Amino acid sequence: GKQRDLVAHIAWSGSTNYADSVKGRFTI
């Protein structure tokens, strides 16, 4: 019943970004 949400992404350079809901708990 929910949208498909982006959790995290990573560039080949190593830069990362996280959704607020998982920040500090998940590591990509």
PDB file of all heavy atoms in Angstrom:
ATOM      1  N   GLY A   1       0.778  -1.224   0.000  1.00  0.00           N
ATOM      2  CA  GLY A   1       0.000   0.000   0.000  1.00  0.00           C
ATOM      3  C   GLY A   1       0.810   1.275   0.000  1.00  0.00           C
ATOM      4  O   GLY A   1       0.237   2.365   0.085  1.00  0.00           O
ATOM      5  N   LYS A   2       2.110   1.156  -0.096  1.00  0.00           N
ATOM      6  CA  LYS A   2       2.992   2.319  -0.056  1.00  0.00           C
ATOM      7  C   LYS A   2       3.712   2.508  -1.384  1.00  0.00           C
ATOM      8  O   LYS A   2       3.802   1.594  -2.203  1.00  0.00           O
ATOM      9  CB  LYS A   2       4.026   2.178   1.061  1.00  0.00           C
ATOM     10  CG  LYS A   2       3.433   2.000   2.456  1.00  0.00           C
ATOM     11  CD  LYS A   2       2.775   3.267   2.947  1.00  0.00           C
ATOM     12  CE  LYS A   2       2.266   3.084   4.375  1.00  0.00           C
ATOM     13  NZ  LYS A   2       3.386   2.857   5.332  1.00  0.00           N
ATOM     14  N   GLN A   3       4.215   3.702  -1.583  1.00  0.00           N
ATOM     15  CA  GLN A   3       5.027   3.984  -2.751  1.00  0.00           C
ATOM     16  C   GLN A   3       6.386   3.312  -2.625  1.00  0.00           C
ATOM     17  O   GLN A   3       6.835   2.984  -1.523  1.00  0.00           O
ATOM     18  CB  GLN A   3       5.221   5.491  -2.918  1.00  0.00           C
ATOM     19  CG  GLN A   3       3.956   6.275  -3.184  1.00  0.00           C
ATOM     20  CD  GLN A   3       4.238   7.759  -3.381  1.00  0.00           C
ATOM     21  OE1 GLN A   3       5.396   8.181  -3.442  1.00  0.00           O
ATOM     22  NE2 GLN A   3       3.191   8.552  -3.488  1.00  0.00           N
ATOM     23  N   ARG A   4       7.012   3.129  -3.761  1.00  0.00           N
ATOM     24  CA  ARG A   4       8.373   2.632  -3.764  1.00  0.00           C
ATOM     25  C   ARG A   4       9.302   3.809  -3.488  1.00  0.00           C
ATOM     26  O   ARG A   4       9.370   4.756  -4.275  1.00  0.00           O
ATOM     27  CB  ARG A   4       8.708   1.963  -5.099  1.00  0.00           C
ATOM     28  CG  ARG A   4      10.101   1.348  -5.144  1.00  0.00           C
ATOM     29  CD  ARG A   4      10.341   0.596  -6.439  1.00  0.00           C
ATOM     30  NE  ARG A   4       9.423  -0.532  -6.581  1.00  0.00           N
ATOM     31  CZ  ARG A   4       9.472  -1.402  -7.577  1.00  0.00           C
ATOM     32  NH1 ARG A   4      10.387  -1.292  -8.522  1.00  0.00           N
ATOM     33  NH2 ARG A   4       8.589  -2.395  -7.636  1.00  0.00           N
ATOM     34  N   ASP A   5       9.995   3.754  -2.378  1.00  0.00           N
ATOM     35  CA  ASP A   5      10.807   4.872  -1.923  1.00  0.00           C
ATOM     36  C   ASP A   5      12.291   4.561  -2.026  1.00  0.00           C
ATOM     37  O   ASP A   5      12.721   3.435  -1.773  1.00  0.00           O
ATOM     38  CB  ASP A   5      10.484   5.232  -0.472  1.00  0.00           C
ATOM     39  CG  ASP A   5       9.077   5.746  -0.291  1.00  0.00           C
ATOM     40  OD1 ASP A   5       8.574   6.444  -1.196  1.00  0.00           O
ATOM     41  OD2 ASP A   5       8.474   5.469   0.765  1.00  0.00           O
ATOM     42  N   LEU A   6      13.036   5.575  -2.358  1.00  0.00           N
ATOM     43  CA  LEU A   6      14.490   5.448  -2.403  1.00  0.00           C
ATOM     44  C   LEU A   6      15.038   5.441  -0.988  1.00  0.00           C
ATOM     45  O   LEU A   6      14.771   6.350  -0.201  1.00  0.00           O
ATOM     46  CB  LEU A   6      15.094   6.599  -3.205  1.00  0.00           C
ATOM     47  CG  LEU A   6      16.615   6.620  -3.347  1.00  0.00           C
ATOM     48  CD1 LEU A   6      17.110   5.414  -4.139  1.00  0.00           C
ATOM     49  CD2 LEU A   6      17.066   7.919  -4.032  1.00  0.00           C
ATOM     50  N   VAL A   7      15.812   4.426  -0.675  1.00  0.00           N
ATOM     51  CA  VAL A   7      16.400   4.272   0.649  1.00  0.00           C
ATOM     52  C   VAL A   7      17.793   4.879   0.712  1.00  0.00           C
ATOM     53  O   VAL A   7      18.133   5.595   1.652  1.00  0.00           O
ATOM     54  CB  VAL A   7      16.452   2.788   1.053  1.00  0.00           C
ATOM     55  CG1 VAL A   7      17.174   2.608   2.384  1.00  0.00           C
ATOM     56  CG2 VAL A   7      15.040   2.216   1.129  1.00  0.00           C
ATOM     57  N   ALA A   8      18.593   4.570  -0.286  1.00  0.00           N
ATOM     58  CA  ALA A   8      19.969   5.041  -0.321  1.00  0.00           C
ATOM     59  C   ALA A   8      20.514   4.911  -1.726  1.00  0.00           C
ATOM     60  O   ALA A   8      20.043   4.083  -2.503  1.00  0.00           O
ATOM     61  CB  ALA A   8      20.849   4.253   0.660  1.00  0.00           C
ATOM     62  N   HIS A   9      21.505   5.713  -2.030  1.00  0.00           N
ATOM     63  CA  HIS A   9      22.197   5.550  -3.300  1.00  0.00           C
ATOM     64  C   HIS A   9      23.657   5.897  -3.136  1.00  0.00           C
ATOM     65  O   HIS A   9      24.052   6.592  -2.203  1.00  0.00           O
ATOM     66  CB  HIS A   9      21.548   6.370  -4.430  1.00  0.00           C
ATOM     67  CG  HIS A   9      21.564   7.859  -4.239  1.00  0.00           C
ATOM     68  ND1 HIS A   9      22.660   8.635  -4.520  1.00  0.00           N
ATOM     69  CD2 HIS A   9      20.594   8.721  -3.823  1.00  0.00           C
ATOM     70  CE1 HIS A   9      22.378   9.907  -4.279  1.00  0.00           C
ATOM     71  NE2 HIS A   9      21.124   9.970  -3.855  1.00  0.00           N
ATOM     72  N   ILE A  10      24.446   5.385  -4.063  1.00  0.00           N
ATOM     73  CA  ILE A  10      25.881   5.563  -4.000  1.00  0.00           C
ATOM     74  C   ILE A  10      26.431   5.770  -5.401  1.00  0.00           C
ATOM     75  O   ILE A  10      26.059   5.074  -6.341  1.00  0.00           O
ATOM     76  CB  ILE A  10      26.557   4.358  -3.304  1.00  0.00           C
ATOM     77  CG1 ILE A  10      28.062   4.589  -3.163  1.00  0.00           C
ATOM     78  CG2 ILE A  10      26.258   3.051  -4.036  1.00  0.00           C
ATOM     79  CD1 ILE A  10      28.739   3.572  -2.246  1.00  0.00           C
ATOM     80  N   ALA A  11      27.306   6.742  -5.531  1.00  0.00           N
ATOM     81  CA  ALA A  11      28.003   6.979  -6.787  1.00  0.00           C
ATOM     82  C   ALA A  11      29.250   6.118  -6.844  1.00  0.00           C
ATOM     83  O   ALA A  11      29.761   5.666  -5.816  1.00  0.00           O
ATOM     84  CB  ALA A  11      28.373   8.454  -6.910  1.00  0.00           C
ATOM     85  N   TRP A  12      29.736   5.895  -8.054  1.00  0.00           N
ATOM     86  CA  TRP A  12      30.967   5.124  -8.194  1.00  0.00           C
ATOM     87  C   TRP A  12      32.152   5.834  -7.553  1.00  0.00           C
ATOM     88  O   TRP A  12      33.162   5.199  -7.249  1.00  0.00           O
ATOM     89  CB  TRP A  12      31.239   4.811  -9.656  1.00  0.00           C
ATOM     90  CG  TRP A  12      30.184   3.952 -10.276  1.00  0.00           C
ATOM     91  CD1 TRP A  12      29.515   4.185 -11.444  1.00  0.00           C
ATOM     92  CD2 TRP A  12      29.662   2.707  -9.774  1.00  0.00           C
ATOM     93  NE1 TRP A  12      28.611   3.179 -11.702  1.00  0.00           N
ATOM     94  CE2 TRP A  12      28.679   2.256 -10.694  1.00  0.00           C
ATOM     95  CE3 TRP A  12      29.919   1.931  -8.634  1.00  0.00           C
ATOM     96  CZ2 TRP A  12      27.959   1.066 -10.498  1.00  0.00           C
ATOM     97  CZ3 TRP A  12      29.189   0.758  -8.446  1.00  0.00           C
ATOM     98  CH2 TRP A  12      28.230   0.343  -9.377  1.00  0.00           C
ATOM     99  N   SER A  13      32.021   7.133  -7.340  1.00  0.00           N
ATOM    100  CA  SER A  13      33.049   7.877  -6.636  1.00  0.00           C
ATOM    101  C   SER A  13      33.063   7.573  -5.146  1.00  0.00           C
ATOM    102  O   SER A  13      34.033   7.894  -4.458  1.00  0.00           O
ATOM    103  CB  SER A  13      32.839   9.376  -6.841  1.00  0.00           C
ATOM    104  OG  SER A  13      31.632   9.802  -6.239  1.00  0.00           O
ATOM    105  N   GLY A  14      31.977   6.984  -4.651  1.00  0.00           N
ATOM    106  CA  GLY A  14      31.865   6.670  -3.243  1.00  0.00           C
ATOM    107  C   GLY A  14      30.925   7.562  -2.462  1.00  0.00           C
ATOM    108  O   GLY A  14      30.623   7.262  -1.301  1.00  0.00           O
ATOM    109  N   SER A  15      30.465   8.626  -3.055  1.00  0.00           N
ATOM    110  CA  SER A  15      29.531   9.514  -2.372  1.00  0.00           C
ATOM    111  C   SER A  15      28.210   8.800  -2.120  1.00  0.00           C
ATOM    112  O   SER A  15      27.707   8.081  -2.982  1.00  0.00           O
ATOM    113  CB  SER A  15      29.285  10.773  -3.198  1.00  0.00           C
ATOM    114  OG  SER A  15      30.473  11.523  -3.342  1.00  0.00           O
ATOM    115  N   THR A  16      27.642   9.009  -0.948  1.00  0.00           N
ATOM    116  CA  THR A  16      26.414   8.322  -0.554  1.00  0.00           C
ATOM    117  C   THR A  16      25.348   9.301  -0.115  1.00  0.00           C
ATOM    118  O   THR A  16      25.634  10.447   0.252  1.00  0.00           O
ATOM    119  CB  THR A  16      26.673   7.330   0.585  1.00  0.00           C
ATOM    120  OG1 THR A  16      27.201   8.036   1.715  1.00  0.00           O
ATOM    121  CG2 THR A  16      27.664   6.259   0.158  1.00  0.00           C
ATOM    122  N   ASN A  17      24.115   8.818  -0.134  1.00  0.00           N
ATOM    123  CA  ASN A  17      22.986   9.598   0.330  1.00  0.00           C
ATOM    124  C   ASN A  17      21.949   8.650   0.897  1.00  0.00           C
ATOM    125  O   ASN A  17      21.734   7.566   0.352  1.00  0.00           O
ATOM    126  CB  ASN A  17      22.394  10.431  -0.812  1.00  0.00           C
ATOM    127  CG  ASN A  17      21.424  11.481  -0.323  1.00  0.00           C
ATOM    128  OD1 ASN A  17      20.238  11.210  -0.153  1.00  0.00           O
ATOM    129  ND2 ASN A  17      21.929  12.680  -0.092  1.00  0.00           N
ATOM    130  N   TYR A  18      21.304   9.065   1.994  1.00  0.00           N
ATOM    131  CA  TYR A  18      20.353   8.208   2.685  1.00  0.00           C
ATOM    132  C   TYR A  18      19.050   8.936   2.962  1.00  0.00           C
ATOM    133  O   TYR A  18      19.034  10.147   3.211  1.00  0.00           O
ATOM    134  CB  TYR A  18      20.920   7.736   4.022  1.00  0.00           C
ATOM    135  CG  TYR A  18      22.173   6.918   3.910  1.00  0.00           C
ATOM    136  CD1 TYR A  18      23.423   7.521   3.946  1.00  0.00           C
ATOM    137  CD2 TYR A  18      22.112   5.534   3.771  1.00  0.00           C
ATOM    138  CE1 TYR A  18      24.577   6.774   3.843  1.00  0.00           C
ATOM    139  CE2 TYR A  18      23.264   4.778   3.672  1.00  0.00           C
ATOM    140  CZ  TYR A  18      24.490   5.402   3.709  1.00  0.00           C
ATOM    141  OH  TYR A  18      25.641   4.651   3.609  1.00  0.00           O
ATOM    142  N   ALA A  19      17.966   8.175   2.938  1.00  0.00           N
ATOM    143  CA  ALA A  19      16.702   8.699   3.413  1.00  0.00           C
ATOM    144  C   ALA A  19      16.793   8.944   4.913  1.00  0.00           C
ATOM    145  O   ALA A  19      17.493   8.227   5.633  1.00  0.00           O
ATOM    146  CB  ALA A  19      15.567   7.724   3.106  1.00  0.00           C
ATOM    147  N   ASP A  20      16.074   9.951   5.392  1.00  0.00           N
ATOM    148  CA  ASP A  20      16.129  10.284   6.814  1.00  0.00           C
ATOM    149  C   ASP A  20      15.715   9.108   7.700  1.00  0.00           C
ATOM    150  O   ASP A  20      16.226   8.951   8.810  1.00  0.00           O
ATOM    151  CB  ASP A  20      15.239  11.483   7.109  1.00  0.00           C
ATOM    152  CG  ASP A  20      15.809  12.780   6.565  1.00  0.00           C
ATOM    153  OD1 ASP A  20      17.018  12.836   6.283  1.00  0.00           O
ATOM    154  OD2 ASP A  20      15.033  13.750   6.432  1.00  0.00           O
ATOM    155  N   SER A  21      14.808   8.282   7.204  1.00  0.00           N
ATOM    156  CA  SER A  21      14.290   7.184   7.999  1.00  0.00           C
ATOM    157  C   SER A  21      15.326   6.102   8.299  1.00  0.00           C
ATOM    158  O   SER A  21      15.143   5.322   9.235  1.00  0.00           O
ATOM    159  CB  SER A  21      13.077   6.556   7.308  1.00  0.00           C
ATOM    160  OG  SER A  21      13.424   6.081   6.019  1.00  0.00           O
ATOM    161  N   VAL A  22      16.389   6.042   7.518  1.00  0.00           N
ATOM    162  CA  VAL A  22      17.394   5.000   7.708  1.00  0.00           C
ATOM    163  C   VAL A  22      18.764   5.552   8.043  1.00  0.00           C
ATOM    164  O   VAL A  22      19.684   4.784   8.342  1.00  0.00           O
ATOM    165  CB  VAL A  22      17.504   4.085   6.469  1.00  0.00           C
ATOM    166  CG1 VAL A  22      16.137   3.530   6.093  1.00  0.00           C
ATOM    167  CG2 VAL A  22      18.124   4.829   5.292  1.00  0.00           C
ATOM    168  N   LYS A  23      18.907   6.846   8.016  1.00  0.00           N
ATOM    169  CA  LYS A  23      20.200   7.465   8.260  1.00  0.00           C
ATOM    170  C   LYS A  23      20.721   7.091   9.643  1.00  0.00           C
ATOM    171  O   LYS A  23      20.005   7.177  10.639  1.00  0.00           O
ATOM    172  CB  LYS A  23      20.086   8.984   8.117  1.00  0.00           C
ATOM    173  CG  LYS A  23      21.412   9.717   8.043  1.00  0.00           C
ATOM    174  CD  LYS A  23      21.203  11.199   7.744  1.00  0.00           C
ATOM    175  CE  LYS A  23      20.512  11.405   6.411  1.00  0.00           C
ATOM    176  NZ  LYS A  23      20.336  12.840   6.080  1.00  0.00           N
ATOM    177  N   GLY A  24      21.971   6.670   9.678  1.00  0.00           N
ATOM    178  CA  GLY A  24      22.577   6.249  10.929  1.00  0.00           C
ATOM    179  C   GLY A  24      22.405   4.777  11.231  1.00  0.00           C
ATOM    180  O   GLY A  24      23.076   4.251  12.135  1.00  0.00           O
ATOM    181  N   ARG A  25      21.520   4.097  10.518  1.00  0.00           N
ATOM    182  CA  ARG A  25      21.288   2.671  10.727  1.00  0.00           C
ATOM    183  C   ARG A  25      21.724   1.815   9.543  1.00  0.00           C
ATOM    184  O   ARG A  25      22.164   0.682   9.731  1.00  0.00           O
ATOM    185  CB  ARG A  25      19.805   2.408  11.008  1.00  0.00           C
ATOM    186  CG  ARG A  25      19.279   3.116  12.254  1.00  0.00           C
ATOM    187  CD  ARG A  25      17.861   2.669  12.583  1.00  0.00           C
ATOM    188  NE  ARG A  25      16.912   3.020  11.524  1.00  0.00           N
ATOM    189  CZ  ARG A  25      16.200   2.129  10.839  1.00  0.00           C
ATOM    190  NH1 ARG A  25      16.309   0.833  11.093  1.00  0.00           N
ATOM    191  NH2 ARG A  25      15.350   2.540   9.893  1.00  0.00           N
ATOM    192  N   PHE A  26      21.564   2.349   8.339  1.00  0.00           N
ATOM    193  CA  PHE A  26      21.902   1.606   7.130  1.00  0.00           C
ATOM    194  C   PHE A  26      23.179   2.171   6.523  1.00  0.00           C
ATOM    195  O   PHE A  26      23.456   3.379   6.624  1.00  0.00           O
ATOM    196  CB  PHE A  26      20.790   1.714   6.083  1.00  0.00           C
ATOM    197  CG  PHE A  26      19.507   1.004   6.428  1.00  0.00           C
ATOM    198  CD1 PHE A  26      19.291   0.456   7.683  1.00  0.00           C
ATOM    199  CD2 PHE A  26      18.509   0.899   5.469  1.00  0.00           C
ATOM    200  CE1 PHE A  26      18.104  -0.188   7.996  1.00  0.00           C
ATOM    201  CE2 PHE A  26      17.321   0.261   5.765  1.00  0.00           C
ATOM    202  CZ  PHE A  26      17.111  -0.293   7.021  1.00  0.00           C
ATOM    203  N   THR A  27      23.924   1.305   5.869  1.00  0.00           N
ATOM    204  CA  THR A  27      25.128   1.715   5.165  1.00  0.00           C
ATOM    205  C   THR A  27      25.145   1.085   3.779  1.00  0.00           C
ATOM    206  O   THR A  27      25.045  -0.135   3.650  1.00  0.00           O
ATOM    207  CB  THR A  27      26.396   1.305   5.923  1.00  0.00           C
ATOM    208  OG1 THR A  27      26.388   1.880   7.233  1.00  0.00           O
ATOM    209  CG2 THR A  27      27.637   1.788   5.175  1.00  0.00           C
ATOM    210  N   ILE A  28      25.259   1.916   2.764  1.00  0.00           N
ATOM    211  CA  ILE A  28      25.356   1.418   1.406  1.00  0.00           C
ATOM    212  C   ILE A  28      26.828   1.416   0.988  1.00  0.00           C
ATOM    213  O   ILE A  28      27.580   2.333   1.327  1.00  0.00           O
ATOM    214  CB  ILE A  28      24.498   2.263   0.433  1.00  0.00           C
ATOM    215  CG1 ILE A  28      24.455   1.618  -0.956  1.00  0.00           C
ATOM    216  CG2 ILE A  28      24.983   3.702   0.357  1.00  0.00           C
ATOM    217  CD1 ILE A  28      23.438   2.268  -1.889  1.00  0.00           C
TER     218      ILE A  28
END
